[in-house]
Amino acid sequence: ISNNTAIDMFQIDAAINNGNSGGPIINRFGQVIGIA
C-alpha cells in the first residue's frame, strides 16, 4: 500500500470505492470474513 507496507489480502471483484474502506466483506452465510 501507499506507506510501502506489504499486507496479506484476498482479491475480490465486488465494486468498492472511496468511502468503502473499513466496511465488511460478507460470505453467503451472513458472516464477516474480511475488511474492504
PDB file of all heavy atoms in Angstrom:
ATOM      1  N   ILE A   1       0.835  -1.192   0.000  1.00  0.00           N
ATOM      2  CA  ILE A   1       0.000   0.000   0.000  1.00  0.00           C
ATOM      3  C   ILE A   1       0.876   1.251   0.000  1.00  0.00           C
ATOM      4  O   ILE A   1       2.102   1.172  -0.090  1.00  0.00           O
ATOM      5  CB  ILE A   1      -0.974  -0.012   1.196  1.00  0.00           C
ATOM      6  CG1 ILE A   1      -0.217  -0.058   2.527  1.00  0.00           C
ATOM      7  CG2 ILE A   1      -1.921  -1.203   1.088  1.00  0.00           C
ATOM      8  CD1 ILE A   1      -1.130   0.028   3.745  1.00  0.00           C
ATOM      9  N   SER A   2       0.252   2.411   0.105  1.00  0.00           N
ATOM     10  CA  SER A   2       0.947   3.671  -0.134  1.00  0.00           C
ATOM     11  C   SER A   2       2.053   3.979   0.873  1.00  0.00           C
ATOM     12  O   SER A   2       2.935   4.778   0.591  1.00  0.00           O
ATOM     13  CB  SER A   2      -0.051   4.823  -0.153  1.00  0.00           C
ATOM     14  OG  SER A   2      -0.769   4.888   1.059  1.00  0.00           O
ATOM     15  N   ASN A   3       2.006   3.380   2.063  1.00  0.00           N
ATOM     16  CA  ASN A   3       3.084   3.624   3.033  1.00  0.00           C
ATOM     17  C   ASN A   3       4.199   2.582   2.911  1.00  0.00           C
ATOM     18  O   ASN A   3       5.013   2.430   3.818  1.00  0.00           O
ATOM     19  CB  ASN A   3       2.534   3.648   4.461  1.00  0.00           C
ATOM     20  CG  ASN A   3       1.953   2.312   4.893  1.00  0.00           C
ATOM     21  OD1 ASN A   3       1.965   1.340   4.134  1.00  0.00           O
ATOM     22  ND2 ASN A   3       1.439   2.252   6.116  1.00  0.00           N
ATOM     23  N   ASN A   4       4.214   1.871   1.759  1.00  0.00           N
ATOM     24  CA  ASN A   4       5.240   0.865   1.456  1.00  0.00           C
ATOM     25  C   ASN A   4       5.197  -0.339   2.392  1.00  0.00           C
ATOM     26  O   ASN A   4       6.197  -1.031   2.572  1.00  0.00           O
ATOM     27  CB  ASN A   4       6.645   1.486   1.468  1.00  0.00           C
ATOM     28  CG  ASN A   4       6.838   2.468   0.328  1.00  0.00           C
ATOM     29  OD1 ASN A   4       6.361   2.237  -0.788  1.00  0.00           O
ATOM     30  ND2 ASN A   4       7.521   3.570   0.594  1.00  0.00           N
ATOM     31  N   THR A   5       4.032  -0.580   2.984  1.00  0.00           N
ATOM     32  CA  THR A   5       3.828  -1.758   3.817  1.00  0.00           C
ATOM     33  C   THR A   5       3.126  -2.836   3.004  1.00  0.00           C
ATOM     34  O   THR A   5       2.126  -2.570   2.336  1.00  0.00           O
ATOM     35  CB  THR A   5       2.966  -1.410   5.049  1.00  0.00           C
ATOM     36  OG1 THR A   5       3.646  -0.435   5.841  1.00  0.00           O
ATOM     37  CG2 THR A   5       2.701  -2.644   5.895  1.00  0.00           C
ATOM     38  N   ALA A   6       3.643  -4.052   3.045  1.00  0.00           N
ATOM     39  CA  ALA A   6       3.019  -5.185   2.355  1.00  0.00           C
ATOM     40  C   ALA A   6       2.057  -5.873   3.311  1.00  0.00           C
ATOM     41  O   ALA A   6       2.425  -6.222   4.441  1.00  0.00           O
ATOM     42  CB  ALA A   6       4.071  -6.164   1.863  1.00  0.00           C
ATOM     43  N   ILE A   7       0.821  -6.056   2.881  1.00  0.00           N
ATOM     44  CA  ILE A   7      -0.211  -6.664   3.707  1.00  0.00           C
ATOM     45  C   ILE A   7      -0.819  -7.843   2.958  1.00  0.00           C
ATOM     46  O   ILE A   7      -1.110  -7.747   1.760  1.00  0.00           O
ATOM     47  CB  ILE A   7      -1.318  -5.647   4.055  1.00  0.00           C
ATOM     48  CG1 ILE A   7      -0.724  -4.446   4.791  1.00  0.00           C
ATOM     49  CG2 ILE A   7      -2.409  -6.292   4.896  1.00  0.00           C
ATOM     50  CD1 ILE A   7      -1.735  -3.351   5.085  1.00  0.00           C
ATOM     51  N   ASP A   8      -1.002  -8.960   3.651  1.00  0.00           N
ATOM     52  CA  ASP A   8      -1.646 -10.122   3.049  1.00  0.00           C
ATOM     53  C   ASP A   8      -3.149  -9.863   2.926  1.00  0.00           C
ATOM     54  O   ASP A   8      -3.823  -9.582   3.926  1.00  0.00           O
ATOM     55  CB  ASP A   8      -1.417 -11.367   3.908  1.00  0.00           C
ATOM     56  CG  ASP A   8       0.026 -11.834   3.870  1.00  0.00           C
ATOM     57  OD1 ASP A   8       0.722 -11.511   2.892  1.00  0.00           O
ATOM     58  OD2 ASP A   8       0.451 -12.514   4.820  1.00  0.00           O
ATOM     59  N   MET A   9      -3.660  -9.940   1.718  1.00  0.00           N
ATOM     60  CA  MET A   9      -5.078  -9.709   1.471  1.00  0.00           C
ATOM     61  C   MET A   9      -5.617 -10.766   0.520  1.00  0.00           C
ATOM     62  O   MET A   9      -4.864 -11.568  -0.032  1.00  0.00           O
ATOM     63  CB  MET A   9      -5.305  -8.311   0.867  1.00  0.00           C
ATOM     64  CG  MET A   9      -4.831  -7.153   1.723  1.00  0.00           C
ATOM     65  SD  MET A   9      -5.434  -5.569   1.073  1.00  0.00           S
ATOM     66  CE  MET A   9      -4.394  -4.412   1.984  1.00  0.00           C
ATOM     67  N   PHE A  10      -6.931 -10.756   0.337  1.00  0.00           N
ATOM     68  CA  PHE A  10      -7.523 -11.562  -0.715  1.00  0.00           C
ATOM     69  C   PHE A  10      -8.197 -10.633  -1.716  1.00  0.00           C
ATOM     70  O   PHE A  10      -8.606  -9.519  -1.379  1.00  0.00           O
ATOM     71  CB  PHE A  10      -8.487 -12.619  -0.168  1.00  0.00           C
ATOM     72  CG  PHE A  10      -9.691 -12.110   0.586  1.00  0.00           C
ATOM     73  CD1 PHE A  10     -10.929 -11.976  -0.037  1.00  0.00           C
ATOM     74  CD2 PHE A  10      -9.610 -11.800   1.944  1.00  0.00           C
ATOM     75  CE1 PHE A  10     -12.045 -11.542   0.649  1.00  0.00           C
ATOM     76  CE2 PHE A  10     -10.724 -11.354   2.647  1.00  0.00           C
ATOM     77  CZ  PHE A  10     -11.940 -11.223   1.997  1.00  0.00           C
ATOM     78  N   GLN A  11      -8.288 -11.097  -2.943  1.00  0.00           N
ATOM     79  CA  GLN A  11      -8.772 -10.271  -4.047  1.00  0.00           C
ATOM     80  C   GLN A  11     -10.247 -10.533  -4.300  1.00  0.00           C
ATOM     81  O   GLN A  11     -10.710 -11.671  -4.261  1.00  0.00           O
ATOM     82  CB  GLN A  11      -7.964 -10.583  -5.301  1.00  0.00           C
ATOM     83  CG  GLN A  11      -8.311  -9.752  -6.522  1.00  0.00           C
ATOM     84  CD  GLN A  11      -7.468 -10.159  -7.718  1.00  0.00           C
ATOM     85  OE1 GLN A  11      -6.317 -10.558  -7.567  1.00  0.00           O
ATOM     86  NE2 GLN A  11      -8.042 -10.068  -8.910  1.00  0.00           N
ATOM     87  N   ILE A  12     -11.006  -9.452  -4.561  1.00  0.00           N
ATOM     88  CA  ILE A  12     -12.435  -9.565  -4.839  1.00  0.00           C
ATOM     89  C   ILE A  12     -12.777  -8.728  -6.072  1.00  0.00           C
ATOM     90  O   ILE A  12     -12.028  -7.813  -6.437  1.00  0.00           O
ATOM     91  CB  ILE A  12     -13.293  -9.098  -3.643  1.00  0.00           C
ATOM     92  CG1 ILE A  12     -12.988  -7.626  -3.313  1.00  0.00           C
ATOM     93  CG2 ILE A  12     -13.054  -9.972  -2.426  1.00  0.00           C
ATOM     94  CD1 ILE A  12     -13.865  -7.050  -2.214  1.00  0.00           C
ATOM     95  N   ASP A  13     -13.911  -9.045  -6.690  1.00  0.00           N
ATOM     96  CA  ASP A  13     -14.327  -8.232  -7.836  1.00  0.00           C
ATOM     97  C   ASP A  13     -15.583  -7.418  -7.549  1.00  0.00           C
ATOM     98  O   ASP A  13     -16.117  -6.754  -8.436  1.00  0.00           O
ATOM     99  CB  ASP A  13     -14.525  -9.096  -9.085  1.00  0.00           C
ATOM    100  CG  ASP A  13     -15.742 -10.005  -9.009  1.00  0.00           C
ATOM    101  OD1 ASP A  13     -16.307 -10.178  -7.904  1.00  0.00           O
ATOM    102  OD2 ASP A  13     -16.130 -10.556 -10.056  1.00  0.00           O
ATOM    103  N   ALA A  14     -16.073  -7.434  -6.304  1.00  0.00           N
ATOM    104  CA  ALA A  14     -17.200  -6.583  -5.934  1.00  0.00           C
ATOM    105  C   ALA A  14     -16.767  -5.123  -6.015  1.00  0.00           C
ATOM    106  O   ALA A  14     -15.639  -4.780  -5.662  1.00  0.00           O
ATOM    107  CB  ALA A  14     -17.680  -6.909  -4.518  1.00  0.00           C
ATOM    108  N   ALA A  15     -17.658  -4.252  -6.483  1.00  0.00           N
ATOM    109  CA  ALA A  15     -17.326  -2.833  -6.610  1.00  0.00           C
ATOM    110  C   ALA A  15     -17.132  -2.201  -5.232  1.00  0.00           C
ATOM    111  O   ALA A  15     -18.019  -2.255  -4.386  1.00  0.00           O
ATOM    112  CB  ALA A  15     -18.439  -2.113  -7.365  1.00  0.00           C
ATOM    113  N   ILE A  16     -15.939  -1.631  -5.020  1.00  0.00           N
ATOM    114  CA  ILE A  16     -15.669  -0.860  -3.817  1.00  0.00           C
ATOM    115  C   ILE A  16     -15.021   0.444  -4.259  1.00  0.00           C
ATOM    116  O   ILE A  16     -14.231   0.485  -5.191  1.00  0.00           O
ATOM    117  CB  ILE A  16     -14.777  -1.618  -2.806  1.00  0.00           C
ATOM    118  CG1 ILE A  16     -13.506  -2.131  -3.473  1.00  0.00           C
ATOM    119  CG2 ILE A  16     -15.547  -2.738  -2.147  1.00  0.00           C
ATOM    120  CD1 ILE A  16     -12.548  -2.792  -2.505  1.00  0.00           C
ATOM    121  N   ASN A  17     -15.367   1.531  -3.567  1.00  0.00           N
ATOM    122  CA  ASN A  17     -14.928   2.852  -3.976  1.00  0.00           C
ATOM    123  C   ASN A  17     -14.521   3.677  -2.761  1.00  0.00           C
ATOM    124  O   ASN A  17     -14.601   3.208  -1.619  1.00  0.00           O
ATOM    125  CB  ASN A  17     -16.052   3.565  -4.743  1.00  0.00           C
ATOM    126  CG  ASN A  17     -16.375   2.894  -6.054  1.00  0.00           C
ATOM    127  OD1 ASN A  17     -15.673   3.072  -7.040  1.00  0.00           O
ATOM    128  ND2 ASN A  17     -17.447   2.109  -6.089  1.00  0.00           N
ATOM    129  N   ASN A  18     -14.071   4.915  -3.022  1.00  0.00           N
ATOM    130  CA  ASN A  18     -13.719   5.806  -1.924  1.00  0.00           C
ATOM    131  C   ASN A  18     -14.868   5.863  -0.924  1.00  0.00           C
ATOM    132  O   ASN A  18     -16.016   6.112  -1.284  1.00  0.00           O
ATOM    133  CB  ASN A  18     -13.443   7.214  -2.452  1.00  0.00           C
ATOM    134  CG  ASN A  18     -12.229   7.275  -3.343  1.00  0.00           C
ATOM    135  OD1 ASN A  18     -11.384   6.391  -3.307  1.00  0.00           O
ATOM    136  ND2 ASN A  18     -12.137   8.311  -4.150  1.00  0.00           N
ATOM    137  N   GLY A  19     -14.566   5.621   0.335  1.00  0.00           N
ATOM    138  CA  GLY A  19     -15.583   5.597   1.379  1.00  0.00           C
ATOM    139  C   GLY A  19     -15.949   4.202   1.838  1.00  0.00           C
ATOM    140  O   GLY A  19     -16.548   4.018   2.895  1.00  0.00           O
ATOM    141  N   ASN A  20     -15.585   3.180   1.047  1.00  0.00           N
ATOM    142  CA  ASN A  20     -15.846   1.792   1.443  1.00  0.00           C
ATOM    143  C   ASN A  20     -14.828   1.262   2.448  1.00  0.00           C
ATOM    144  O   ASN A  20     -15.052   0.207   3.060  1.00  0.00           O
ATOM    145  CB  ASN A  20     -15.836   0.862   0.229  1.00  0.00           C
ATOM    146  CG  ASN A  20     -17.168   0.784  -0.472  1.00  0.00           C
ATOM    147  OD1 ASN A  20     -17.362   1.415  -1.508  1.00  0.00           O
ATOM    148  ND2 ASN A  20     -18.110   0.033   0.088  1.00  0.00           N
ATOM    149  N   SER A  21     -13.704   1.946   2.601  1.00  0.00           N
ATOM    150  CA  SER A  21     -12.648   1.454   3.487  1.00  0.00           C
ATOM    151  C   SER A  21     -13.167   1.133   4.875  1.00  0.00           C
ATOM    152  O   SER A  21     -13.855   1.942   5.509  1.00  0.00           O
ATOM    153  CB  SER A  21     -11.557   2.518   3.636  1.00  0.00           C
ATOM    154  OG  SER A  21     -10.615   2.414   2.628  1.00  0.00           O
ATOM    155  N   GLY A  22     -12.817  -0.043   5.371  1.00  0.00           N
ATOM    156  CA  GLY A  22     -13.209  -0.446   6.715  1.00  0.00           C
ATOM    157  C   GLY A  22     -14.522  -1.184   6.775  1.00  0.00           C
ATOM    158  O   GLY A  22     -14.904  -1.694   7.829  1.00  0.00           O
ATOM    159  N   GLY A  23     -15.244  -1.254   5.653  1.00  0.00           N
ATOM    160  CA  GLY A  23     -16.525  -1.942   5.644  1.00  0.00           C
ATOM    161  C   GLY A  23     -16.359  -3.449   5.583  1.00  0.00           C
ATOM    162  O   GLY A  23     -15.301  -3.967   5.221  1.00  0.00           O
ATOM    163  N   PRO A  24     -17.403  -4.199   5.906  1.00  0.00           N
ATOM    164  CA  PRO A  24     -17.303  -5.662   5.959  1.00  0.00           C
ATOM    165  C   PRO A  24     -17.391  -6.322   4.587  1.00  0.00           C
ATOM    166  O   PRO A  24     -18.098  -5.856   3.701  1.00  0.00           O
ATOM    167  CB  PRO A  24     -18.517  -6.056   6.812  1.00  0.00           C
ATOM    168  CG  PRO A  24     -19.537  -4.995   6.497  1.00  0.00           C
ATOM    169  CD  PRO A  24     -18.738  -3.721   6.333  1.00  0.00           C
ATOM    170  N   ILE A  25     -16.654  -7.412   4.438  1.00  0.00           N
ATOM    171  CA  ILE A  25     -16.826  -8.343   3.323  1.00  0.00           C
ATOM    172  C   ILE A  25     -17.503  -9.580   3.915  1.00  0.00           C
ATOM    173  O   ILE A  25     -17.011 -10.159   4.885  1.00  0.00           O
ATOM    174  CB  ILE A  25     -15.480  -8.716   2.677  1.00  0.00           C
ATOM    175  CG1 ILE A  25     -14.767  -7.456   2.169  1.00  0.00           C
ATOM    176  CG2 ILE A  25     -15.701  -9.712   1.543  1.00  0.00           C
ATOM    177  CD1 ILE A  25     -15.518  -6.689   1.105  1.00  0.00           C
ATOM    178  N   ILE A  26     -18.609  -9.985   3.320  1.00  0.00           N
ATOM    179  CA  ILE A  26     -19.518 -10.945   3.941  1.00  0.00           C
ATOM    180  C   ILE A  26     -19.677 -12.167   3.047  1.00  0.00           C
ATOM    181  O   ILE A  26     -19.774 -12.040   1.820  1.00  0.00           O
ATOM    182  CB  ILE A  26     -20.900 -10.281   4.158  1.00  0.00           C
ATOM    183  CG1 ILE A  26     -20.736  -8.954   4.915  1.00  0.00           C
ATOM    184  CG2 ILE A  26     -21.857 -11.209   4.883  1.00  0.00           C
ATOM    185  CD1 ILE A  26     -21.796  -7.933   4.569  1.00  0.00           C
ATOM    186  N   ASN A  27     -19.699 -13.350   3.653  1.00  0.00           N
ATOM    187  CA  ASN A  27     -19.927 -14.564   2.865  1.00  0.00           C
ATOM    188  C   ASN A  27     -21.416 -14.857   2.734  1.00  0.00           C
ATOM    189  O   ASN A  27     -22.260 -14.125   3.271  1.00  0.00           O
ATOM    190  CB  ASN A  27     -19.150 -15.756   3.437  1.00  0.00           C
ATOM    191  CG  ASN A  27     -19.661 -16.197   4.811  1.00  0.00           C
ATOM    192  OD1 ASN A  27     -20.735 -15.798   5.273  1.00  0.00           O
ATOM    193  ND2 ASN A  27     -18.882 -17.020   5.484  1.00  0.00           N
ATOM    194  N   ARG A  28     -21.751 -15.929   2.048  1.00  0.00           N
ATOM    195  CA  ARG A  28     -23.150 -16.221   1.749  1.00  0.00           C
ATOM    196  C   ARG A  28     -23.930 -16.704   2.972  1.00  0.00           C
ATOM    197  O   ARG A  28     -25.151 -16.868   2.903  1.00  0.00           O
ATOM    198  CB  ARG A  28     -23.243 -17.247   0.621  1.00  0.00           C
ATOM    199  CG  ARG A  28     -22.723 -18.631   0.954  1.00  0.00           C
ATOM    200  CD  ARG A  28     -22.705 -19.526  -0.289  1.00  0.00           C
ATOM    201  NE  ARG A  28     -22.383 -20.910  -0.013  1.00  0.00           N
ATOM    202  CZ  ARG A  28     -21.153 -21.373   0.167  1.00  0.00           C
ATOM    203  NH1 ARG A  28     -20.122 -20.548   0.107  1.00  0.00           N
ATOM    204  NH2 ARG A  28     -20.951 -22.654   0.413  1.00  0.00           N
ATOM    205  N   PHE A  29     -23.250 -16.928   4.071  1.00  0.00           N
ATOM    206  CA  PHE A  29     -23.926 -17.328   5.307  1.00  0.00           C
ATOM    207  C   PHE A  29     -24.187 -16.131   6.227  1.00  0.00           C
ATOM    208  O   PHE A  29     -24.698 -16.298   7.331  1.00  0.00           O
ATOM    209  CB  PHE A  29     -23.093 -18.365   6.058  1.00  0.00           C
ATOM    210  CG  PHE A  29     -22.873 -19.628   5.272  1.00  0.00           C
ATOM    211  CD1 PHE A  29     -21.692 -19.826   4.564  1.00  0.00           C
ATOM    212  CD2 PHE A  29     -23.849 -20.611   5.207  1.00  0.00           C
ATOM    213  CE1 PHE A  29     -21.482 -20.978   3.825  1.00  0.00           C
ATOM    214  CE2 PHE A  29     -23.650 -21.766   4.472  1.00  0.00           C
ATOM    215  CZ  PHE A  29     -22.471 -21.953   3.774  1.00  0.00           C
ATOM    216  N   GLY A  30     -23.807 -14.935   5.781  1.00  0.00           N
ATOM    217  CA  GLY A  30     -24.018 -13.741   6.590  1.00  0.00           C
ATOM    218  C   GLY A  30     -22.923 -13.488   7.597  1.00  0.00           C
ATOM    219  O   GLY A  30     -23.109 -12.710   8.543  1.00  0.00           O
ATOM    220  N   GLN A  31     -21.764 -14.112   7.416  1.00  0.00           N
ATOM    221  CA  GLN A  31     -20.626 -13.909   8.319  1.00  0.00           C
ATOM    222  C   GLN A  31     -19.628 -12.930   7.691  1.00  0.00           C
ATOM    223  O   GLN A  31     -19.359 -12.982   6.492  1.00  0.00           O
ATOM    224  CB  GLN A  31     -19.906 -15.227   8.563  1.00  0.00           C
ATOM    225  CG  GLN A  31     -20.741 -16.302   9.215  1.00  0.00           C
ATOM    226  CD  GLN A  31     -20.009 -17.630   9.171  1.00  0.00           C
ATOM    227  OE1 GLN A  31     -19.690 -18.138   8.106  1.00  0.00           O
ATOM    228  NE2 GLN A  31     -19.746 -18.182  10.339  1.00  0.00           N
ATOM    229  N   VAL A  32     -19.051 -12.073   8.515  1.00  0.00           N
ATOM    230  CA  VAL A  32     -17.997 -11.178   8.041  1.00  0.00           C
ATOM    231  C   VAL A  32     -16.687 -11.960   7.973  1.00  0.00           C
ATOM    232  O   VAL A  32     -16.231 -12.515   8.977  1.00  0.00           O
ATOM    233  CB  VAL A  32     -17.836  -9.960   8.969  1.00  0.00           C
ATOM    234  CG1 VAL A  32     -16.637  -9.112   8.537  1.00  0.00           C
ATOM    235  CG2 VAL A  32     -19.106  -9.121   8.967  1.00  0.00           C
ATOM    236  N   ILE A  33     -16.083 -12.003   6.786  1.00  0.00           N
ATOM    237  CA  ILE A  33     -14.831 -12.748   6.605  1.00  0.00           C
ATOM    238  C   ILE A  33     -13.673 -11.842   6.201  1.00  0.00           C
ATOM    239  O   ILE A  33     -12.552 -12.315   6.032  1.00  0.00           O
ATOM    240  CB  ILE A  33     -14.991 -13.863   5.553  1.00  0.00           C
ATOM    241  CG1 ILE A  33     -15.372 -13.282   4.190  1.00  0.00           C
ATOM    242  CG2 ILE A  33     -15.996 -14.899   6.021  1.00  0.00           C
ATOM    243  CD1 ILE A  33     -15.285 -14.289   3.055  1.00  0.00           C
ATOM    244  N   GLY A  34     -13.927 -10.534   6.061  1.00  0.00           N
ATOM    245  CA  GLY A  34     -12.838  -9.640   5.668  1.00  0.00           C
ATOM    246  C   GLY A  34     -13.213  -8.186   5.842  1.00  0.00           C
ATOM    247  O   GLY A  34     -14.364  -7.840   6.154  1.00  0.00           O
ATOM    248  N   ILE A  35     -12.211  -7.313   5.641  1.00  0.00           N
ATOM    249  CA  ILE A  35     -12.397  -5.867   5.720  1.00  0.00           C
ATOM    250  C   ILE A  35     -11.964  -5.258   4.384  1.00  0.00           C
ATOM    251  O   ILE A  35     -10.815  -5.445   3.949  1.00  0.00           O
ATOM    252  CB  ILE A  35     -11.550  -5.243   6.843  1.00  0.00           C
ATOM    253  CG1 ILE A  35     -11.817  -5.934   8.179  1.00  0.00           C
ATOM    254  CG2 ILE A  35     -11.825  -3.748   6.955  1.00  0.00           C
ATOM    255  CD1 ILE A  35     -10.890  -5.462   9.285  1.00  0.00           C
ATOM    256  N   ALA A  36     -12.860  -4.525   3.725  1.00  0.00           N
ATOM    257  CA  ALA A  36     -12.519  -3.857   2.471  1.00  0.00           C
ATOM    258  C   ALA A  36     -11.445  -2.819   2.735  1.00  0.00           C
ATOM    259  O   ALA A  36     -11.598  -1.961   3.614  1.00  0.00           O
ATOM    260  CB  ALA A  36     -13.761  -3.189   1.876  1.00  0.00           C
TER     261      ALA A  36
END
